[in-house]
Amino acid sequence: MSLDYKEKLLKNKKAVEEINRHRWIESEKAGHDIGFETASLDWLERFSKAWMDYHMPQKNGQTKPAANKAKSRLKSK
């Protein structure tokens, strides 16, 4: 993932919420606050690709799974 995408994700409110959730979970596991920087680096490396595929599909030329389900329901009616 390019540095440009990482910077954009760190400005995205929903992505930051996910990073803070990840920080809380990993801090609980570690028994101390791991800090936002550590949590963000870990989240970006481990989860950002899947998060972007789901929440920002237009960037990857995909459509959201929920949108696909809705389209298939409309076609079946």
PDB file of N, CA and C in Angstrom:
ATOM      1  N   MET A   1       0.854  -1.175   0.000  1.00  0.00           N
ATOM      2  CA  MET A   1       0.000   0.000   0.000  1.00  0.00           C
ATOM      3  C   MET A   1       0.893   1.227   0.000  1.00  0.00           C
ATOM      4  N   SER A   2       0.544   2.167  -0.820  1.00  0.00           N
ATOM      5  CA  SER A   2       1.366   3.366  -0.957  1.00  0.00           C
ATOM      6  C   SER A   2       1.197   4.289   0.251  1.00  0.00           C
ATOM      7  N   LEU A   3       2.168   5.128   0.425  1.00  0.00           N
ATOM      8  CA  LEU A   3       2.144   6.106   1.508  1.00  0.00           C
ATOM      9  C   LEU A   3       0.962   7.054   1.348  1.00  0.00           C
ATOM     10  N   ASP A   4       0.604   7.365   0.098  1.00  0.00           N
ATOM     11  CA  ASP A   4      -0.524   8.248  -0.186  1.00  0.00           C
ATOM     12  C   ASP A   4      -1.830   7.667   0.363  1.00  0.00           C
ATOM     13  N   TYR A   5      -2.061   6.369   0.136  1.00  0.00           N
ATOM     14  CA  TYR A   5      -3.278   5.728   0.654  1.00  0.00           C
ATOM     15  C   TYR A   5      -3.276   5.692   2.172  1.00  0.00           C
ATOM     16  N   LYS A   6      -2.122   5.437   2.770  1.00  0.00           N
ATOM     17  CA  LYS A   6      -2.037   5.406   4.229  1.00  0.00           C
ATOM     18  C   LYS A   6      -2.385   6.770   4.807  1.00  0.00           C
ATOM     19  N   GLU A   7      -1.869   7.820   4.192  1.00  0.00           N
ATOM     20  CA  GLU A   7      -2.171   9.169   4.667  1.00  0.00           C
ATOM     21  C   GLU A   7      -3.656   9.480   4.524  1.00  0.00           C
ATOM     22  N   LYS A   8      -4.261   9.050   3.416  1.00  0.00           N
ATOM     23  CA  LYS A   8      -5.701   9.271   3.219  1.00  0.00           C
ATOM     24  C   LYS A   8      -6.511   8.517   4.255  1.00  0.00           C
ATOM     25  N   LEU A   9      -6.114   7.284   4.557  1.00  0.00           N
ATOM     26  CA  LEU A   9      -6.831   6.509   5.566  1.00  0.00           C
ATOM     27  C   LEU A   9      -6.735   7.158   6.941  1.00  0.00           C
ATOM     28  N   LEU A  10      -5.597   7.705   7.270  1.00  0.00           N
ATOM     29  CA  LEU A  10      -5.428   8.337   8.579  1.00  0.00           C
ATOM     30  C   LEU A  10      -6.224   9.642   8.692  1.00  0.00           C
ATOM     31  N   LYS A  11      -6.719  10.156   7.579  1.00  0.00           N
ATOM     32  CA  LYS A  11      -7.589  11.337   7.586  1.00  0.00           C
ATOM     33  C   LYS A  11      -9.063  10.949   7.524  1.00  0.00           C
ATOM     34  N   ASN A  12      -9.339   9.659   7.291  1.00  0.00           N
ATOM     35  CA  ASN A  12     -10.707   9.164   7.176  1.00  0.00           C
ATOM     36  C   ASN A  12     -11.255   8.863   8.571  1.00  0.00           C
ATOM     37  N   LYS A  13     -12.361   9.510   8.932  1.00  0.00           N
ATOM     38  CA  LYS A  13     -12.929   9.381  10.279  1.00  0.00           C
ATOM     39  C   LYS A  13     -13.262   7.928  10.624  1.00  0.00           C
ATOM     40  N   LYS A  14     -13.847   7.204   9.687  1.00  0.00           N
ATOM     41  CA  LYS A  14     -14.228   5.811   9.960  1.00  0.00           C
ATOM     42  C   LYS A  14     -12.999   4.925  10.124  1.00  0.00           C
ATOM     43  N   ALA A  15     -11.972   5.168   9.350  1.00  0.00           N
ATOM     44  CA  ALA A  15     -10.734   4.394   9.479  1.00  0.00           C
ATOM     45  C   ALA A  15     -10.083   4.668  10.834  1.00  0.00           C
ATOM     46  N   VAL A  16     -10.079   5.923  11.260  1.00  0.00           N
ATOM     47  CA  VAL A  16      -9.505   6.277  12.557  1.00  0.00           C
ATOM     48  C   VAL A  16     -10.297   5.615  13.687  1.00  0.00           C
ATOM     49  N   GLU A  17     -11.620   5.527  13.540  1.00  0.00           N
ATOM     50  CA  GLU A  17     -12.435   4.821  14.531  1.00  0.00           C
ATOM     51  C   GLU A  17     -12.020   3.352  14.613  1.00  0.00           C
ATOM     52  N   GLU A  18     -11.766   2.737  13.465  1.00  0.00           N
ATOM     53  CA  GLU A  18     -11.322   1.343  13.443  1.00  0.00           C
ATOM     54  C   GLU A  18      -9.945   1.194  14.082  1.00  0.00           C
ATOM     55  N   ILE A  19      -9.068   2.137  13.815  1.00  0.00           N
ATOM     56  CA  ILE A  19      -7.733   2.098  14.417  1.00  0.00           C
ATOM     57  C   ILE A  19      -7.837   2.233  15.936  1.00  0.00           C
ATOM     58  N   ASN A  20      -8.699   3.128  16.410  1.00  0.00           N
ATOM     59  CA  ASN A  20      -8.886   3.274  17.855  1.00  0.00           C
ATOM     60  C   ASN A  20      -9.484   2.015  18.475  1.00  0.00           C
ATOM     61  N   ARG A  21     -10.390   1.358  17.758  1.00  0.00           N
ATOM     62  CA  ARG A  21     -10.945   0.084  18.233  1.00  0.00           C
ATOM     63  C   ARG A  21      -9.826  -0.962  18.308  1.00  0.00           C
ATOM     64  N   HIS A  22      -9.000  -0.995  17.290  1.00  0.00           N
ATOM     65  CA  HIS A  22      -7.864  -1.920  17.254  1.00  0.00           C
ATOM     66  C   HIS A  22      -6.900  -1.602  18.408  1.00  0.00           C
ATOM     67  N   ARG A  23      -6.672  -0.308  18.646  1.00  0.00           N
ATOM     68  CA  ARG A  23      -5.809   0.111  19.758  1.00  0.00           C
ATOM     69  C   ARG A  23      -6.334  -0.410  21.082  1.00  0.00           C
ATOM     70  N   TRP A  24      -7.630  -0.283  21.287  1.00  0.00           N
ATOM     71  CA  TRP A  24      -8.229  -0.742  22.544  1.00  0.00           C
ATOM     72  C   TRP A  24      -8.049  -2.248  22.707  1.00  0.00           C
ATOM     73  N   ILE A  25      -8.363  -3.008  21.654  1.00  0.00           N
ATOM     74  CA  ILE A  25      -8.258  -4.469  21.718  1.00  0.00           C
ATOM     75  C   ILE A  25      -6.815  -4.896  21.986  1.00  0.00           C
ATOM     76  N   GLU A  26      -5.890  -4.346  21.225  1.00  0.00           N
ATOM     77  CA  GLU A  26      -4.484  -4.741  21.384  1.00  0.00           C
ATOM     78  C   GLU A  26      -3.908  -4.257  22.711  1.00  0.00           C
ATOM     79  N   SER A  27      -4.370  -3.118  23.200  1.00  0.00           N
ATOM     80  CA  SER A  27      -3.933  -2.629  24.507  1.00  0.00           C
ATOM     81  C   SER A  27      -4.427  -3.554  25.618  1.00  0.00           C
ATOM     82  N   GLU A  28      -5.660  -4.027  25.495  1.00  0.00           N
ATOM     83  CA  GLU A  28      -6.191  -4.987  26.471  1.00  0.00           C
ATOM     84  C   GLU A  28      -5.349  -6.262  26.484  1.00  0.00           C
ATOM     85  N   LYS A  29      -4.987  -6.737  25.303  1.00  0.00           N
ATOM     86  CA  LYS A  29      -4.156  -7.943  25.206  1.00  0.00           C
ATOM     87  C   LYS A  29      -2.786  -7.716  25.842  1.00  0.00           C
ATOM     88  N   ALA A  30      -2.214  -6.529  25.597  1.00  0.00           N
ATOM     89  CA  ALA A  30      -0.872  -6.226  26.089  1.00  0.00           C
ATOM     90  C   ALA A  30      -0.858  -5.845  27.572  1.00  0.00           C
ATOM     91  N   GLY A  31      -1.997  -5.435  28.091  1.00  0.00           N
ATOM     92  CA  GLY A  31      -2.066  -5.024  29.491  1.00  0.00           C
ATOM     93  C   GLY A  31      -1.646  -3.585  29.717  1.00  0.00           C
ATOM     94  N   HIS A  32      -1.463  -2.837  28.635  1.00  0.00           N
ATOM     95  CA  HIS A  32      -1.133  -1.413  28.719  1.00  0.00           C
ATOM     96  C   HIS A  32      -1.490  -0.754  27.396  1.00  0.00           C
ATOM     97  N   ASP A  33      -1.583   0.571  27.426  1.00  0.00           N
ATOM     98  CA  ASP A  33      -1.919   1.321  26.211  1.00  0.00           C
ATOM     99  C   ASP A  33      -0.755   1.242  25.228  1.00  0.00           C
ATOM    100  N   ILE A  34      -1.020   0.729  24.036  1.00  0.00           N
ATOM    101  CA  ILE A  34       0.037   0.597  23.033  1.00  0.00           C
ATOM    102  C   ILE A  34       0.235   1.889  22.248  1.00  0.00           C
ATOM    103  N   GLY A  35      -0.689   2.822  22.367  1.00  0.00           N
ATOM    104  CA  GLY A  35      -0.582   4.110  21.692  1.00  0.00           C
ATOM    105  C   GLY A  35      -1.141   4.076  20.275  1.00  0.00           C
ATOM    106  N   PHE A  36      -1.523   5.264  19.814  1.00  0.00           N
ATOM    107  CA  PHE A  36      -2.149   5.364  18.493  1.00  0.00           C
ATOM    108  C   PHE A  36      -1.176   5.033  17.373  1.00  0.00           C
ATOM    109  N   GLU A  37       0.066   5.475  17.495  1.00  0.00           N
ATOM    110  CA  GLU A  37       1.030   5.239  16.416  1.00  0.00           C
ATOM    111  C   GLU A  37       1.273   3.744  16.200  1.00  0.00           C
ATOM    112  N   THR A  38       1.502   3.016  17.269  1.00  0.00           N
ATOM    113  CA  THR A  38       1.712   1.565  17.159  1.00  0.00           C
ATOM    114  C   THR A  38       0.468   0.889  16.610  1.00  0.00           C
ATOM    115  N   ALA A  39      -0.693   1.283  17.133  1.00  0.00           N
ATOM    116  CA  ALA A  39      -1.948   0.681  16.677  1.00  0.00           C
ATOM    117  C   ALA A  39      -2.201   0.991  15.204  1.00  0.00           C
ATOM    118  N   SER A  40      -1.928   2.215  14.791  1.00  0.00           N
ATOM    119  CA  SER A  40      -2.186   2.583  13.398  1.00  0.00           C
ATOM    120  C   SER A  40      -1.249   1.838  12.453  1.00  0.00           C
ATOM    121  N   LEU A  41       0.020   1.724  12.808  1.00  0.00           N
ATOM    122  CA  LEU A  41       0.956   0.984  11.954  1.00  0.00           C
ATOM    123  C   LEU A  41       0.535  -0.481  11.826  1.00  0.00           C
ATOM    124  N   ASP A  42       0.136  -1.073  12.945  1.00  0.00           N
ATOM    125  CA  ASP A  42      -0.295  -2.471  12.937  1.00  0.00           C
ATOM    126  C   ASP A  42      -1.576  -2.643  12.124  1.00  0.00           C
ATOM    127  N   TRP A  43      -2.551  -1.750  12.345  1.00  0.00           N
ATOM    128  CA  TRP A  43      -3.828  -1.838  11.623  1.00  0.00           C
ATOM    129  C   TRP A  43      -3.622  -1.635  10.128  1.00  0.00           C
ATOM    130  N   LEU A  44      -2.808  -0.641   9.765  1.00  0.00           N
ATOM    131  CA  LEU A  44      -2.552  -0.385   8.349  1.00  0.00           C
ATOM    132  C   LEU A  44      -1.928  -1.601   7.674  1.00  0.00           C
ATOM    133  N   GLU A  45      -1.023  -2.255   8.362  1.00  0.00           N
ATOM    134  CA  GLU A  45      -0.351  -3.426   7.793  1.00  0.00           C
ATOM    135  C   GLU A  45      -1.274  -4.638   7.718  1.00  0.00           C
ATOM    136  N   ARG A  46      -2.050  -4.855   8.783  1.00  0.00           N
ATOM    137  CA  ARG A  46      -2.838  -6.089   8.870  1.00  0.00           C
ATOM    138  C   ARG A  46      -4.245  -6.005   8.302  1.00  0.00           C
ATOM    139  N   PHE A  47      -4.911  -4.846   8.428  1.00  0.00           N
ATOM    140  CA  PHE A  47      -6.335  -4.793   8.132  1.00  0.00           C
ATOM    141  C   PHE A  47      -6.780  -3.760   7.105  1.00  0.00           C
ATOM    142  N   SER A  48      -5.912  -2.826   6.744  1.00  0.00           N
ATOM    143  CA  SER A  48      -6.361  -1.722   5.885  1.00  0.00           C
ATOM    144  C   SER A  48      -6.810  -2.194   4.500  1.00  0.00           C
ATOM    145  N   LYS A  49      -6.153  -3.175   3.941  1.00  0.00           N
ATOM    146  CA  LYS A  49      -6.517  -3.667   2.601  1.00  0.00           C
ATOM    147  C   LYS A  49      -7.956  -4.186   2.595  1.00  0.00           C
ATOM    148  N   ALA A  50      -8.281  -5.036   3.544  1.00  0.00           N
ATOM    149  CA  ALA A  50      -9.645  -5.581   3.620  1.00  0.00           C
ATOM    150  C   ALA A  50     -10.657  -4.477   3.924  1.00  0.00           C
ATOM    151  N   TRP A  51     -10.281  -3.538   4.793  1.00  0.00           N
ATOM    152  CA  TRP A  51     -11.181  -2.444   5.136  1.00  0.00           C
ATOM    153  C   TRP A  51     -11.469  -1.585   3.907  1.00  0.00           C
ATOM    154  N   MET A  52     -10.429  -1.289   3.146  1.00  0.00           N
ATOM    155  CA  MET A  52     -10.607  -0.486   1.932  1.00  0.00           C
ATOM    156  C   MET A  52     -11.435  -1.235   0.886  1.00  0.00           C
ATOM    157  N   ASP A  53     -11.204  -2.536   0.742  1.00  0.00           N
ATOM    158  CA  ASP A  53     -11.987  -3.319  -0.212  1.00  0.00           C
ATOM    159  C   ASP A  53     -13.471  -3.242   0.112  1.00  0.00           C
ATOM    160  N   TYR A  54     -13.800  -3.205   1.395  1.00  0.00           N
ATOM    161  CA  TYR A  54     -15.204  -3.169   1.797  1.00  0.00           C
ATOM    162  C   TYR A  54     -15.775  -1.752   1.804  1.00  0.00           C
ATOM    163  N   HIS A  55     -15.045  -0.808   2.380  1.00  0.00           N
ATOM    164  CA  HIS A  55     -15.580   0.546   2.579  1.00  0.00           C
ATOM    165  C   HIS A  55     -15.279   1.521   1.445  1.00  0.00           C
ATOM    166  N   MET A  56     -14.302   1.199   0.613  1.00  0.00           N
ATOM    167  CA  MET A  56     -13.932   2.098  -0.474  1.00  0.00           C
ATOM    168  C   MET A  56     -13.775   1.296  -1.771  1.00  0.00           C
ATOM    169  N   PRO A  57     -14.790   0.531  -2.157  1.00  0.00           N
ATOM    170  CA  PRO A  57     -14.643  -0.352  -3.314  1.00  0.00           C
ATOM    171  C   PRO A  57     -14.395   0.381  -4.623  1.00  0.00           C
ATOM    172  N   GLN A  58     -14.878   1.602  -4.747  1.00  0.00           N
ATOM    173  CA  GLN A  58     -14.681   2.355  -5.981  1.00  0.00           C
ATOM    174  C   GLN A  58     -13.203   2.593  -6.249  1.00  0.00           C
ATOM    175  N   LYS A  59     -12.388   2.637  -5.218  1.00  0.00           N
ATOM    176  CA  LYS A  59     -10.947   2.821  -5.385  1.00  0.00           C
ATOM    177  C   LYS A  59     -10.302   1.588  -6.003  1.00  0.00           C
ATOM    178  N   ASN A  60     -10.926   0.416  -5.782  1.00  0.00           N
ATOM    179  CA  ASN A  60     -10.373  -0.843  -6.265  1.00  0.00           C
ATOM    180  C   ASN A  60     -11.182  -1.437  -7.413  1.00  0.00           C
ATOM    181  N   GLY A  61     -12.148  -0.683  -7.925  1.00  0.00           N
ATOM    182  CA  GLY A  61     -12.966  -1.164  -9.029  1.00  0.00           C
ATOM    183  C   GLY A  61     -13.951  -2.247  -8.634  1.00  0.00           C
ATOM    184  N   GLN A  62     -14.319  -2.280  -7.353  1.00  0.00           N
ATOM    185  CA  GLN A  62     -15.250  -3.284  -6.855  1.00  0.00           C
ATOM    186  C   GLN A  62     -16.536  -2.598  -6.417  1.00  0.00           C
ATOM    187  N   THR A  63     -17.533  -3.417  -6.127  1.00  0.00           N
ATOM    188  CA  THR A  63     -18.756  -2.905  -5.526  1.00  0.00           C
ATOM    189  C   THR A  63     -18.900  -3.529  -4.159  1.00  0.00           C
ATOM    190  N   LYS A  64     -19.616  -2.856  -3.264  1.00  0.00           N
ATOM    191  CA  LYS A  64     -19.804  -3.377  -1.913  1.00  0.00           C
ATOM    192  C   LYS A  64     -20.618  -4.666  -1.951  1.00  0.00           C
ATOM    193  N   PRO A  65     -20.302  -5.626  -1.076  1.00  0.00           N
ATOM    194  CA  PRO A  65     -21.094  -6.847  -1.002  1.00  0.00           C
ATOM    195  C   PRO A  65     -22.566  -6.555  -0.735  1.00  0.00           C
ATOM    196  N   ALA A  66     -22.858  -5.605   0.141  1.00  0.00           N
ATOM    197  CA  ALA A  66     -24.249  -5.271   0.437  1.00  0.00           C
ATOM    198  C   ALA A  66     -24.954  -4.738  -0.805  1.00  0.00           C
ATOM    199  N   ALA A  67     -24.250  -3.963  -1.587  1.00  0.00           N
ATOM    200  CA  ALA A  67     -24.835  -3.429  -2.815  1.00  0.00           C
ATOM    201  C   ALA A  67     -25.111  -4.564  -3.804  1.00  0.00           C
ATOM    202  N   ASN A  68     -24.224  -5.529  -3.872  1.00  0.00           N
ATOM    203  CA  ASN A  68     -24.436  -6.678  -4.758  1.00  0.00           C
ATOM    204  C   ASN A  68     -25.662  -7.464  -4.347  1.00  0.00           C
ATOM    205  N   LYS A  69     -25.870  -7.658  -3.044  1.00  0.00           N
ATOM    206  CA  LYS A  69     -27.036  -8.393  -2.546  1.00  0.00           C
ATOM    207  C   LYS A  69     -28.313  -7.657  -2.906  1.00  0.00           C
ATOM    208  N   ALA A  70     -28.307  -6.341  -2.723  1.00  0.00           N
ATOM    209  CA  ALA A  70     -29.490  -5.548  -3.041  1.00  0.00           C
ATOM    210  C   ALA A  70     -29.810  -5.636  -4.532  1.00  0.00           C
ATOM    211  N   LYS A  71     -28.804  -5.576  -5.372  1.00  0.00           N
ATOM    212  CA  LYS A  71     -29.015  -5.679  -6.814  1.00  0.00           C
ATOM    213  C   LYS A  71     -29.583  -7.033  -7.185  1.00  0.00           C
ATOM    214  N   SER A  72     -29.065  -8.097  -6.570  1.00  0.00           N
ATOM    215  CA  SER A  72     -29.558  -9.429  -6.904  1.00  0.00           C
ATOM    216  C   SER A  72     -30.998  -9.624  -6.435  1.00  0.00           C
ATOM    217  N   ARG A  73     -31.352  -8.996  -5.301  1.00  0.00           N
ATOM    218  CA  ARG A  73     -32.742  -9.082  -4.813  1.00  0.00           C
ATOM    219  C   ARG A  73     -33.685  -8.369  -5.774  1.00  0.00           C
ATOM    220  N   LEU A  74     -33.260  -7.233  -6.300  1.00  0.00           N
ATOM    221  CA  LEU A  74     -34.102  -6.491  -7.238  1.00  0.00           C
ATOM    222  C   LEU A  74     -34.293  -7.272  -8.532  1.00  0.00           C
ATOM    223  N   LYS A  75     -33.259  -7.947  -8.983  1.00  0.00           N
ATOM    224  CA  LYS A  75     -33.357  -8.721 -10.225  1.00  0.00           C
ATOM    225  C   LYS A  75     -34.282  -9.907 -10.062  1.00  0.00           C
ATOM    226  N   SER A  76     -34.343 -10.500  -8.854  1.00  0.00           N
ATOM    227  CA  SER A  76     -35.150 -11.690  -8.658  1.00  0.00           C
ATOM    228  C   SER A  76     -36.641 -11.375  -8.515  1.00  0.00           C
ATOM    229  N   LYS A  77     -36.986 -10.106  -8.323  1.00  0.00           N
ATOM    230  CA  LYS A  77     -38.405  -9.746  -8.150  1.00  0.00           C
ATOM    231  C   LYS A  77     -39.093  -9.536  -9.469  1.00  0.00           C
TER     232      LYS A  77
END
